[in-house]
Amino acid sequence: MIIKSAEFCISNTEVSKCPTDDLPEFAFIGRSNVGKSSLINMLTGKKNLAKTSGTPGKTQLINHFLINEKWYIVDLPGYGYAKSSRSNRSKWEKFIAEFLSKRQSLQNTFVLIDSRLEPQKIDIEFMIWCAERQLPFSMIFTKIDKLSSTALQKNIARYKKEMLKSWEEMPPIFSTSSESSFGKEGILHYIEQIIG
């Protein structure tokens, strides 16, 4: 798939105010500072489409980006950002849960994982939450340029071992680097197949 156009559409905290045109949606979510905005910018080939920040917890809204006038990338707030107030966190969690559970046009949720870290409880818990609700999701390991391929394979194996305790099979897994654009074609091809 070639992305010819990518434009910001709407930001809000209410699912009822999301686009109503029933175009396929692909959500991107992960722990704060996992590299979500950088990944969205890399996938679309637009440097500043999603706002990147050194400050974790920057995305606090549901952001829709219209791609090729045919489908949406949905940028969701990062979960587990400790420095945000508890009331703010529970508010985000509520509208994220509502969005993921109720959006009929949502085709897949990409759960971003920092490839440098061992399995994180919060990531595992979030994926279990998706599985329990039968929400289709895939895993994207980000920042793979920051570690050796041996270390990457070790961390992915750790995740598999952890998840296969409660899963029969693993969801699709992608590895990416926003620096080198590694993984871009695989993700876009996967999205194309789902829309197809």
N, C-alpha and C. Protein backbone atom coordinates (compact mmCIF):
# COMPACT_ATOMS: atom_id res chain seq x y z
N MET A 1 0.83 -1.20 0.00
CA MET A 1 0.00 0.00 0.00
C MET A 1 0.87 1.25 0.00
N ILE A 2 0.51 2.20 -0.83
CA ILE A 2 1.22 3.48 -0.85
C ILE A 2 0.30 4.54 -0.25
N ILE A 3 0.82 5.28 0.72
CA ILE A 3 0.02 6.34 1.31
C ILE A 3 0.23 7.62 0.51
N LYS A 4 -0.83 8.06 -0.14
CA LYS A 4 -0.76 9.26 -0.97
C LYS A 4 -1.21 10.49 -0.20
N SER A 5 -2.14 10.30 0.73
CA SER A 5 -2.60 11.45 1.51
C SER A 5 -2.87 11.02 2.95
N ALA A 6 -2.53 11.90 3.87
CA ALA A 6 -2.76 11.67 5.30
C ALA A 6 -3.05 13.02 5.93
N GLU A 7 -4.24 13.16 6.47
CA GLU A 7 -4.56 14.46 7.07
C GLU A 7 -5.25 14.31 8.40
N PHE A 8 -4.93 15.24 9.30
CA PHE A 8 -5.57 15.27 10.61
C PHE A 8 -7.05 15.59 10.41
N CYS A 9 -7.89 14.88 11.14
CA CYS A 9 -9.33 15.02 10.95
C CYS A 9 -10.01 15.65 12.17
N ILE A 10 -9.90 14.97 13.33
CA ILE A 10 -10.62 15.45 14.52
C ILE A 10 -9.97 14.89 15.78
N SER A 11 -10.05 15.67 16.88
CA SER A 11 -9.60 15.22 18.21
C SER A 11 -10.76 15.36 19.17
N ASN A 12 -10.98 14.39 20.02
CA ASN A 12 -11.97 14.57 21.07
C ASN A 12 -11.85 13.49 22.14
N THR A 13 -12.67 13.62 23.18
CA THR A 13 -12.66 12.63 24.26
C THR A 13 -13.98 11.88 24.31
N GLU A 14 -14.84 12.12 23.33
CA GLU A 14 -16.14 11.45 23.35
C GLU A 14 -16.32 10.59 22.10
N VAL A 15 -16.59 9.32 22.33
CA VAL A 15 -16.75 8.39 21.21
C VAL A 15 -17.88 8.84 20.30
N SER A 16 -18.91 9.44 20.89
CA SER A 16 -20.07 9.89 20.10
C SER A 16 -19.71 10.96 19.08
N LYS A 17 -18.57 11.63 19.30
CA LYS A 17 -18.16 12.71 18.38
C LYS A 17 -17.14 12.25 17.34
N CYS A 18 -16.79 10.95 17.35
CA CYS A 18 -15.86 10.41 16.36
C CYS A 18 -16.54 10.38 14.98
N PRO A 19 -15.76 10.28 13.90
CA PRO A 19 -16.35 10.27 12.55
C PRO A 19 -17.46 9.22 12.41
N THR A 20 -18.46 9.56 11.65
CA THR A 20 -19.62 8.66 11.49
C THR A 20 -19.72 8.09 10.08
N ASP A 21 -18.62 8.17 9.31
CA ASP A 21 -18.70 7.71 7.91
C ASP A 21 -18.44 6.22 7.73
N ASP A 22 -18.22 5.50 8.85
CA ASP A 22 -18.03 4.04 8.83
C ASP A 22 -16.81 3.58 8.03
N LEU A 23 -15.84 4.46 7.79
CA LEU A 23 -14.61 4.02 7.13
C LEU A 23 -13.81 3.17 8.13
N PRO A 24 -13.05 2.17 7.63
CA PRO A 24 -12.27 1.31 8.54
C PRO A 24 -11.30 2.12 9.40
N GLU A 25 -11.19 1.73 10.67
CA GLU A 25 -10.29 2.41 11.60
C GLU A 25 -9.25 1.42 12.13
N PHE A 26 -8.03 1.93 12.30
CA PHE A 26 -6.94 1.14 12.88
C PHE A 26 -6.36 1.96 14.03
N ALA A 27 -6.53 1.46 15.26
CA ALA A 27 -6.09 2.21 16.44
C ALA A 27 -4.66 1.86 16.81
N PHE A 28 -3.94 2.85 17.32
CA PHE A 28 -2.57 2.67 17.81
C PHE A 28 -2.54 3.10 19.27
N ILE A 29 -2.06 2.20 20.13
CA ILE A 29 -2.04 2.48 21.56
C ILE A 29 -0.81 1.83 22.18
N GLY A 30 -0.39 2.34 23.33
CA GLY A 30 0.74 1.74 24.04
C GLY A 30 1.07 2.56 25.26
N ARG A 31 2.04 2.10 26.02
CA ARG A 31 2.48 2.87 27.18
C ARG A 31 3.01 4.22 26.73
N SER A 32 2.92 5.19 27.63
CA SER A 32 3.44 6.52 27.31
C SER A 32 4.91 6.43 26.91
N ASN A 33 5.28 7.20 25.91
CA ASN A 33 6.67 7.29 25.44
C ASN A 33 7.15 6.05 24.70
N VAL A 34 6.23 5.27 24.15
CA VAL A 34 6.62 4.03 23.44
C VAL A 34 7.02 4.34 21.99
N GLY A 35 6.76 5.59 21.55
CA GLY A 35 7.12 5.97 20.18
C GLY A 35 5.95 5.93 19.21
N LYS A 36 4.76 6.15 19.75
CA LYS A 36 3.53 6.03 18.95
C LYS A 36 3.44 7.10 17.87
N SER A 37 3.64 8.35 18.26
CA SER A 37 3.54 9.44 17.29
C SER A 37 4.60 9.31 16.20
N SER A 38 5.82 8.94 16.61
CA SER A 38 6.90 8.75 15.63
C SER A 38 6.55 7.64 14.65
N LEU A 39 5.93 6.57 15.15
CA LEU A 39 5.55 5.46 14.28
C LEU A 39 4.47 5.89 13.28
N ILE A 40 3.48 6.63 13.76
CA ILE A 40 2.41 7.10 12.86
C ILE A 40 3.00 8.01 11.78
N ASN A 41 3.91 8.89 12.19
CA ASN A 41 4.56 9.78 11.21
C ASN A 41 5.38 8.98 10.20
N MET A 42 6.06 7.93 10.67
CA MET A 42 6.86 7.09 9.78
C MET A 42 5.96 6.35 8.79
N LEU A 43 4.85 5.79 9.29
CA LEU A 43 3.95 5.03 8.41
C LEU A 43 3.35 5.92 7.31
N THR A 44 3.02 7.15 7.68
CA THR A 44 2.35 8.04 6.72
C THR A 44 3.33 8.84 5.87
N GLY A 45 4.62 8.84 6.28
CA GLY A 45 5.62 9.62 5.54
C GLY A 45 5.49 11.11 5.78
N LYS A 46 4.80 11.49 6.87
CA LYS A 46 4.63 12.91 7.22
C LYS A 46 5.27 13.16 8.58
N LYS A 47 6.28 14.00 8.59
CA LYS A 47 7.07 14.19 9.81
C LYS A 47 6.28 14.70 11.01
N ASN A 48 5.34 15.61 10.76
CA ASN A 48 4.66 16.24 11.90
C ASN A 48 3.16 15.97 11.94
N LEU A 49 2.73 14.86 11.35
CA LEU A 49 1.29 14.56 11.35
C LEU A 49 0.81 14.36 12.79
N ALA A 50 1.45 13.43 13.49
CA ALA A 50 1.14 13.23 14.92
C ALA A 50 2.21 13.97 15.71
N LYS A 51 1.79 14.68 16.73
CA LYS A 51 2.73 15.49 17.52
C LYS A 51 3.61 14.60 18.38
N THR A 52 4.92 14.70 18.18
CA THR A 52 5.84 13.93 19.02
C THR A 52 6.31 14.82 20.17
N SER A 53 6.67 14.18 21.26
CA SER A 53 7.10 14.95 22.42
C SER A 53 8.03 14.11 23.29
N GLY A 54 8.99 14.79 23.93
CA GLY A 54 9.85 14.09 24.89
C GLY A 54 9.10 13.86 26.19
N THR A 55 7.94 14.53 26.34
CA THR A 55 7.17 14.40 27.56
C THR A 55 6.16 13.27 27.44
N PRO A 56 6.27 12.24 28.29
CA PRO A 56 5.28 11.16 28.22
C PRO A 56 3.88 11.69 28.49
N GLY A 57 2.89 11.01 27.92
CA GLY A 57 1.51 11.37 28.19
C GLY A 57 1.01 12.55 27.37
N LYS A 58 1.69 12.85 26.26
CA LYS A 58 1.33 14.01 25.45
C LYS A 58 -0.05 13.83 24.79
N THR A 59 -0.30 12.65 24.23
CA THR A 59 -1.60 12.41 23.59
C THR A 59 -2.65 12.18 24.66
N GLN A 60 -3.64 13.06 24.74
CA GLN A 60 -4.67 12.91 25.76
C GLN A 60 -6.06 12.85 25.13
N LEU A 61 -6.11 12.73 23.83
CA LEU A 61 -7.37 12.72 23.11
C LEU A 61 -7.38 11.57 22.11
N ILE A 62 -8.57 11.28 21.58
CA ILE A 62 -8.68 10.34 20.45
C ILE A 62 -8.44 11.19 19.20
N ASN A 63 -7.35 10.91 18.48
CA ASN A 63 -7.03 11.67 17.27
C ASN A 63 -7.25 10.82 16.02
N HIS A 64 -8.06 11.32 15.11
CA HIS A 64 -8.32 10.61 13.84
C HIS A 64 -7.53 11.25 12.70
N PHE A 65 -6.83 10.41 11.93
CA PHE A 65 -6.13 10.85 10.73
C PHE A 65 -6.70 10.09 9.54
N LEU A 66 -7.17 10.82 8.54
CA LEU A 66 -7.76 10.19 7.36
C LEU A 66 -6.65 9.84 6.37
N ILE A 67 -6.58 8.58 5.98
CA ILE A 67 -5.52 8.08 5.10
C ILE A 67 -6.10 7.72 3.73
N ASN A 68 -5.50 8.29 2.69
CA ASN A 68 -5.93 8.02 1.30
C ASN A 68 -7.44 8.20 1.09
N GLU A 69 -8.03 9.01 1.99
CA GLU A 69 -9.48 9.27 1.94
C GLU A 69 -10.32 7.99 2.05
N LYS A 70 -9.70 6.91 2.58
CA LYS A 70 -10.39 5.61 2.61
C LYS A 70 -10.43 4.95 3.98
N TRP A 71 -9.51 5.29 4.87
CA TRP A 71 -9.47 4.67 6.19
C TRP A 71 -8.80 5.60 7.19
N TYR A 72 -8.93 5.25 8.48
CA TYR A 72 -8.39 6.12 9.53
C TYR A 72 -7.30 5.42 10.35
N ILE A 73 -6.28 6.21 10.68
CA ILE A 73 -5.38 5.86 11.77
C ILE A 73 -5.95 6.59 12.98
N VAL A 74 -6.12 5.87 14.09
CA VAL A 74 -6.63 6.49 15.32
C VAL A 74 -5.53 6.43 16.38
N ASP A 75 -5.09 7.61 16.79
CA ASP A 75 -4.02 7.74 17.79
C ASP A 75 -4.69 7.87 19.15
N LEU A 76 -4.51 6.86 20.00
CA LEU A 76 -5.15 6.86 21.33
C LEU A 76 -4.15 7.26 22.41
N PRO A 77 -4.63 7.81 23.53
CA PRO A 77 -3.70 8.20 24.61
C PRO A 77 -2.91 7.01 25.11
N GLY A 78 -1.67 7.26 25.52
CA GLY A 78 -0.85 6.21 26.12
C GLY A 78 -1.43 5.82 27.47
N TYR A 79 -1.32 4.54 27.81
CA TYR A 79 -1.82 4.13 29.12
C TYR A 79 -0.66 4.04 30.11
N GLY A 80 -1.03 4.14 31.39
CA GLY A 80 -0.03 3.92 32.44
C GLY A 80 0.93 5.06 32.67
N TYR A 81 0.50 6.29 32.37
CA TYR A 81 1.41 7.42 32.64
C TYR A 81 1.23 7.88 34.08
N ALA A 82 2.22 7.60 34.91
CA ALA A 82 2.08 7.80 36.36
C ALA A 82 1.93 9.25 36.78
N LYS A 83 2.53 10.19 36.03
CA LYS A 83 2.53 11.58 36.50
C LYS A 83 1.22 12.31 36.24
N SER A 84 0.34 11.70 35.50
CA SER A 84 -0.97 12.32 35.28
C SER A 84 -1.81 12.08 36.54
N SER A 85 -2.73 13.00 36.81
CA SER A 85 -3.57 12.84 38.00
C SER A 85 -4.43 11.58 37.86
N ARG A 86 -4.82 11.04 39.00
CA ARG A 86 -5.62 9.80 38.98
C ARG A 86 -6.95 10.01 38.26
N SER A 87 -7.58 11.17 38.48
CA SER A 87 -8.88 11.43 37.85
C SER A 87 -8.72 11.53 36.33
N ASN A 88 -7.61 12.14 35.90
CA ASN A 88 -7.32 12.23 34.47
C ASN A 88 -7.13 10.84 33.87
N ARG A 89 -6.35 10.02 34.60
CA ARG A 89 -6.06 8.67 34.11
C ARG A 89 -7.34 7.86 33.97
N SER A 90 -8.20 7.94 35.00
CA SER A 90 -9.42 7.11 34.93
C SER A 90 -10.34 7.62 33.83
N LYS A 91 -10.29 8.93 33.57
CA LYS A 91 -11.11 9.50 32.49
C LYS A 91 -10.63 8.97 31.14
N TRP A 92 -9.29 8.97 30.93
CA TRP A 92 -8.74 8.43 29.67
C TRP A 92 -9.11 6.96 29.52
N GLU A 93 -8.90 6.21 30.64
CA GLU A 93 -9.14 4.77 30.57
C GLU A 93 -10.59 4.49 30.19
N LYS A 94 -11.49 5.31 30.72
CA LYS A 94 -12.91 5.12 30.44
C LYS A 94 -13.19 5.35 28.95
N PHE A 95 -12.68 6.45 28.38
CA PHE A 95 -13.03 6.69 26.98
C PHE A 95 -12.25 5.80 26.02
N ILE A 96 -11.06 5.35 26.43
CA ILE A 96 -10.32 4.38 25.60
C ILE A 96 -11.10 3.06 25.56
N ALA A 97 -11.55 2.61 26.75
CA ALA A 97 -12.31 1.36 26.83
C ALA A 97 -13.59 1.46 26.01
N GLU A 98 -14.26 2.61 26.12
CA GLU A 98 -15.51 2.81 25.37
C GLU A 98 -15.24 2.80 23.87
N PHE A 99 -14.17 3.48 23.45
CA PHE A 99 -13.84 3.53 22.03
C PHE A 99 -13.55 2.12 21.50
N LEU A 100 -12.68 1.39 22.19
CA LEU A 100 -12.28 0.06 21.71
C LEU A 100 -13.45 -0.93 21.72
N SER A 101 -14.33 -0.80 22.69
CA SER A 101 -15.44 -1.75 22.82
C SER A 101 -16.60 -1.46 21.87
N LYS A 102 -16.81 -0.17 21.57
CA LYS A 102 -18.05 0.20 20.88
C LYS A 102 -17.92 0.58 19.41
N ARG A 103 -16.70 0.85 18.95
CA ARG A 103 -16.56 1.32 17.56
C ARG A 103 -16.75 0.17 16.58
N GLN A 104 -17.84 0.20 15.86
CA GLN A 104 -18.12 -0.85 14.87
C GLN A 104 -17.09 -0.84 13.73
N SER A 105 -16.57 0.35 13.42
CA SER A 105 -15.66 0.46 12.27
C SER A 105 -14.20 0.14 12.62
N LEU A 106 -13.94 -0.14 13.91
CA LEU A 106 -12.57 -0.45 14.34
C LEU A 106 -12.20 -1.86 13.86
N GLN A 107 -11.18 -1.94 13.02
CA GLN A 107 -10.77 -3.22 12.42
C GLN A 107 -9.69 -3.93 13.23
N ASN A 108 -8.79 -3.15 13.82
CA ASN A 108 -7.65 -3.75 14.51
C ASN A 108 -7.01 -2.70 15.42
N THR A 109 -6.50 -3.15 16.55
CA THR A 109 -5.76 -2.26 17.45
C THR A 109 -4.30 -2.72 17.46
N PHE A 110 -3.40 -1.81 17.15
CA PHE A 110 -1.97 -2.10 17.21
C PHE A 110 -1.48 -1.70 18.60
N VAL A 111 -1.02 -2.69 19.36
CA VAL A 111 -0.49 -2.43 20.71
C VAL A 111 1.02 -2.28 20.59
N LEU A 112 1.52 -1.09 20.91
CA LEU A 112 2.95 -0.81 20.76
C LEU A 112 3.70 -1.19 22.03
N ILE A 113 4.81 -1.88 21.84
CA ILE A 113 5.64 -2.38 22.94
C ILE A 113 7.06 -1.88 22.73
N ASP A 114 7.67 -1.34 23.79
CA ASP A 114 9.06 -0.91 23.69
C ASP A 114 9.95 -2.15 23.66
N SER A 115 10.61 -2.37 22.52
CA SER A 115 11.37 -3.62 22.33
C SER A 115 12.54 -3.76 23.30
N ARG A 116 12.95 -2.68 23.95
CA ARG A 116 14.12 -2.73 24.84
C ARG A 116 13.79 -3.31 26.21
N LEU A 117 12.49 -3.39 26.51
CA LEU A 117 12.09 -3.77 27.87
C LEU A 117 11.62 -5.22 27.95
N GLU A 118 11.79 -5.80 29.12
CA GLU A 118 11.22 -7.12 29.38
C GLU A 118 9.70 -6.97 29.45
N PRO A 119 8.94 -8.07 29.37
CA PRO A 119 7.48 -7.95 29.40
C PRO A 119 7.00 -7.09 30.57
N GLN A 120 6.18 -6.11 30.25
CA GLN A 120 5.65 -5.19 31.25
C GLN A 120 4.23 -5.62 31.62
N LYS A 121 3.97 -5.64 32.91
CA LYS A 121 2.67 -6.09 33.42
C LYS A 121 1.53 -5.31 32.76
N ILE A 122 1.70 -4.01 32.64
CA ILE A 122 0.62 -3.17 32.11
C ILE A 122 0.29 -3.52 30.65
N ASP A 123 1.32 -3.86 29.86
CA ASP A 123 1.08 -4.25 28.46
C ASP A 123 0.34 -5.58 28.40
N ILE A 124 0.79 -6.54 29.21
CA ILE A 124 0.16 -7.87 29.24
C ILE A 124 -1.31 -7.73 29.66
N GLU A 125 -1.53 -6.92 30.71
CA GLU A 125 -2.91 -6.74 31.21
C GLU A 125 -3.81 -6.11 30.15
N PHE A 126 -3.26 -5.15 29.41
CA PHE A 126 -4.07 -4.50 28.38
C PHE A 126 -4.43 -5.50 27.27
N MET A 127 -3.47 -6.33 26.87
CA MET A 127 -3.75 -7.30 25.81
C MET A 127 -4.73 -8.39 26.29
N ILE A 128 -4.65 -8.75 27.57
CA ILE A 128 -5.62 -9.70 28.12
C ILE A 128 -7.02 -9.07 28.08
N TRP A 129 -7.08 -7.78 28.43
CA TRP A 129 -8.37 -7.06 28.39
C TRP A 129 -8.96 -7.11 26.98
N CYS A 130 -8.13 -6.89 25.96
CA CYS A 130 -8.59 -6.95 24.56
C CYS A 130 -9.06 -8.35 24.21
N ALA A 131 -8.27 -9.36 24.61
CA ALA A 131 -8.60 -10.75 24.27
C ALA A 131 -9.91 -11.18 24.91
N GLU A 132 -10.11 -10.77 26.16
CA GLU A 132 -11.35 -11.14 26.86
C GLU A 132 -12.59 -10.58 26.17
N ARG A 133 -12.41 -9.45 25.49
CA ARG A 133 -13.53 -8.81 24.78
C ARG A 133 -13.54 -9.17 23.29
N GLN A 134 -12.65 -10.10 22.92
CA GLN A 134 -12.53 -10.56 21.53
C GLN A 134 -12.30 -9.40 20.57
N LEU A 135 -11.45 -8.44 21.02
CA LEU A 135 -11.09 -7.31 20.16
C LEU A 135 -9.81 -7.68 19.41
N PRO A 136 -9.82 -7.68 18.08
CA PRO A 136 -8.62 -8.06 17.35
C PRO A 136 -7.49 -7.05 17.58
N PHE A 137 -6.30 -7.58 17.88
CA PHE A 137 -5.15 -6.69 18.06
C PHE A 137 -3.88 -7.35 17.55
N SER A 138 -2.89 -6.52 17.29
CA SER A 138 -1.56 -6.98 16.86
C SER A 138 -0.54 -6.28 17.74
N MET A 139 0.66 -6.85 17.81
CA MET A 139 1.73 -6.25 18.61
C MET A 139 2.76 -5.62 17.68
N ILE A 140 3.19 -4.41 18.04
CA ILE A 140 4.28 -3.76 17.30
C ILE A 140 5.41 -3.47 18.28
N PHE A 141 6.56 -4.11 18.08
CA PHE A 141 7.74 -3.80 18.89
C PHE A 141 8.44 -2.60 18.28
N THR A 142 8.55 -1.52 19.06
CA THR A 142 9.12 -0.26 18.55
C THR A 142 10.59 -0.11 18.96
N LYS A 143 11.25 0.84 18.33
CA LYS A 143 12.63 1.26 18.69
C LYS A 143 13.64 0.12 18.56
N ILE A 144 13.47 -0.73 17.54
CA ILE A 144 14.37 -1.89 17.43
C ILE A 144 15.79 -1.49 17.03
N ASP A 145 15.95 -0.23 16.57
CA ASP A 145 17.31 0.23 16.24
C ASP A 145 18.12 0.49 17.50
N LYS A 146 17.47 0.46 18.66
CA LYS A 146 18.15 0.78 19.92
C LYS A 146 18.74 -0.46 20.61
N LEU A 147 18.59 -1.65 19.99
CA LEU A 147 19.17 -2.85 20.61
C LEU A 147 19.59 -3.84 19.53
N SER A 148 20.39 -4.83 19.91
CA SER A 148 20.87 -5.80 18.94
C SER A 148 19.75 -6.75 18.55
N SER A 149 19.89 -7.41 17.41
CA SER A 149 18.82 -8.32 16.97
C SER A 149 18.71 -9.51 17.92
N THR A 150 19.82 -9.90 18.56
CA THR A 150 19.78 -11.00 19.54
C THR A 150 18.94 -10.58 20.74
N ALA A 151 19.17 -9.36 21.23
CA ALA A 151 18.41 -8.86 22.38
C ALA A 151 16.94 -8.71 22.03
N LEU A 152 16.67 -8.28 20.80
CA LEU A 152 15.28 -8.14 20.34
C LEU A 152 14.58 -9.49 20.35
N GLN A 153 15.23 -10.50 19.77
CA GLN A 153 14.63 -11.84 19.70
C GLN A 153 14.39 -12.40 21.11
N LYS A 154 15.31 -12.09 22.03
CA LYS A 154 15.16 -12.56 23.41
C LYS A 154 13.92 -11.94 24.05
N ASN A 155 13.76 -10.63 23.85
CA ASN A 155 12.61 -9.94 24.45
C ASN A 155 11.29 -10.41 23.84
N ILE A 156 11.28 -10.62 22.52
CA ILE A 156 10.05 -11.12 21.87
C ILE A 156 9.73 -12.52 22.40
N ALA A 157 10.78 -13.35 22.56
CA ALA A 157 10.59 -14.71 23.10
C ALA A 157 10.02 -14.66 24.52
N ARG A 158 10.49 -13.68 25.31
CA ARG A 158 9.97 -13.53 26.69
C ARG A 158 8.48 -13.20 26.66
N TYR A 159 8.10 -12.29 25.75
CA TYR A 159 6.67 -11.95 25.62
C TYR A 159 5.85 -13.17 25.22
N LYS A 160 6.37 -13.92 24.25
CA LYS A 160 5.64 -15.12 23.80
C LYS A 160 5.45 -16.09 24.95
N LYS A 161 6.52 -16.31 25.70
CA LYS A 161 6.46 -17.26 26.82
C LYS A 161 5.41 -16.81 27.84
N GLU A 162 5.42 -15.50 28.13
CA GLU A 162 4.48 -14.93 29.10
C GLU A 162 3.04 -15.04 28.62
N MET A 163 2.84 -14.70 27.34
CA MET A 163 1.48 -14.66 26.81
C MET A 163 0.90 -16.04 26.54
N LEU A 164 1.74 -16.97 26.16
CA LEU A 164 1.24 -18.31 25.84
C LEU A 164 0.82 -19.09 27.10
N LYS A 165 1.03 -18.45 28.27
CA LYS A 165 0.49 -19.04 29.50
C LYS A 165 -1.04 -18.97 29.48
N SER A 166 -1.58 -17.91 28.85
CA SER A 166 -3.03 -17.78 28.82
C SER A 166 -3.62 -17.74 27.41
N TRP A 167 -2.76 -17.66 26.38
CA TRP A 167 -3.23 -17.63 24.99
C TRP A 167 -2.95 -18.98 24.32
N GLU A 168 -3.79 -19.35 23.38
CA GLU A 168 -3.51 -20.56 22.59
C GLU A 168 -2.52 -20.24 21.47
N GLU A 169 -2.66 -19.04 20.91
CA GLU A 169 -1.72 -18.63 19.87
C GLU A 169 -1.46 -17.14 19.98
N MET A 170 -0.35 -16.72 19.41
CA MET A 170 0.04 -15.31 19.49
C MET A 170 -0.69 -14.48 18.44
N PRO A 171 -0.93 -13.18 18.74
CA PRO A 171 -1.44 -12.28 17.71
C PRO A 171 -0.32 -11.97 16.72
N PRO A 172 -0.64 -11.34 15.57
CA PRO A 172 0.43 -10.95 14.65
C PRO A 172 1.43 -10.02 15.34
N ILE A 173 2.72 -10.20 15.01
CA ILE A 173 3.79 -9.41 15.63
C ILE A 173 4.58 -8.68 14.55
N PHE A 174 4.83 -7.39 14.78
CA PHE A 174 5.65 -6.58 13.86
C PHE A 174 6.79 -5.94 14.66
N SER A 175 7.92 -5.73 13.99
CA SER A 175 9.05 -5.02 14.60
C SER A 175 9.30 -3.77 13.77
N THR A 176 9.52 -2.63 14.44
CA THR A 176 9.67 -1.37 13.70
C THR A 176 10.77 -0.48 14.25
N SER A 177 11.26 0.36 13.36
CA SER A 177 12.15 1.46 13.74
C SER A 177 11.67 2.70 13.01
N SER A 178 11.29 3.70 13.77
CA SER A 178 10.85 4.96 13.15
C SER A 178 12.04 5.69 12.52
N GLU A 179 13.24 5.39 13.02
CA GLU A 179 14.46 6.02 12.48
C GLU A 179 14.74 5.55 11.05
N SER A 180 14.64 4.23 10.83
CA SER A 180 15.02 3.67 9.53
C SER A 180 13.83 3.28 8.66
N SER A 181 12.60 3.45 9.22
CA SER A 181 11.36 3.04 8.53
C SER A 181 11.23 1.52 8.41
N PHE A 182 12.05 0.79 9.16
CA PHE A 182 11.93 -0.67 9.13
C PHE A 182 10.55 -1.07 9.65
N GLY A 183 9.90 -2.01 8.97
CA GLY A 183 8.59 -2.51 9.40
C GLY A 183 7.41 -1.81 8.75
N LYS A 184 7.69 -0.70 8.07
CA LYS A 184 6.60 0.10 7.47
C LYS A 184 5.78 -0.72 6.47
N GLU A 185 6.47 -1.37 5.55
CA GLU A 185 5.77 -2.11 4.48
C GLU A 185 4.92 -3.24 5.06
N GLY A 186 5.45 -3.94 6.05
CA GLY A 186 4.72 -5.07 6.65
C GLY A 186 3.41 -4.62 7.27
N ILE A 187 3.45 -3.51 8.01
CA ILE A 187 2.23 -3.02 8.68
C ILE A 187 1.22 -2.53 7.65
N LEU A 188 1.68 -1.76 6.67
CA LEU A 188 0.76 -1.24 5.65
C LEU A 188 0.15 -2.37 4.82
N HIS A 189 0.94 -3.41 4.56
CA HIS A 189 0.43 -4.56 3.80
C HIS A 189 -0.65 -5.28 4.62
N TYR A 190 -0.40 -5.41 5.93
CA TYR A 190 -1.36 -6.05 6.84
C TYR A 190 -2.68 -5.27 6.85
N ILE A 191 -2.57 -3.94 6.95
CA ILE A 191 -3.78 -3.09 6.95
C ILE A 191 -4.52 -3.26 5.63
N GLU A 192 -3.76 -3.27 4.54
CA GLU A 192 -4.36 -3.42 3.20
C GLU A 192 -5.13 -4.74 3.10
N GLN A 193 -4.54 -5.81 3.64
CA GLN A 193 -5.21 -7.12 3.61
C GLN A 193 -6.53 -7.09 4.38
N ILE A 194 -6.53 -6.43 5.53
CA ILE A 194 -7.75 -6.36 6.35
C ILE A 194 -8.83 -5.56 5.62
N ILE A 195 -8.43 -4.42 5.05
CA ILE A 195 -9.40 -3.59 4.32
C ILE A 195 -9.90 -4.33 3.08
N GLY A 196 -8.93 -5.04 2.43
CA GLY A 196 -9.09 -5.71 1.16
C GLY A 196 -10.42 -6.38 0.92
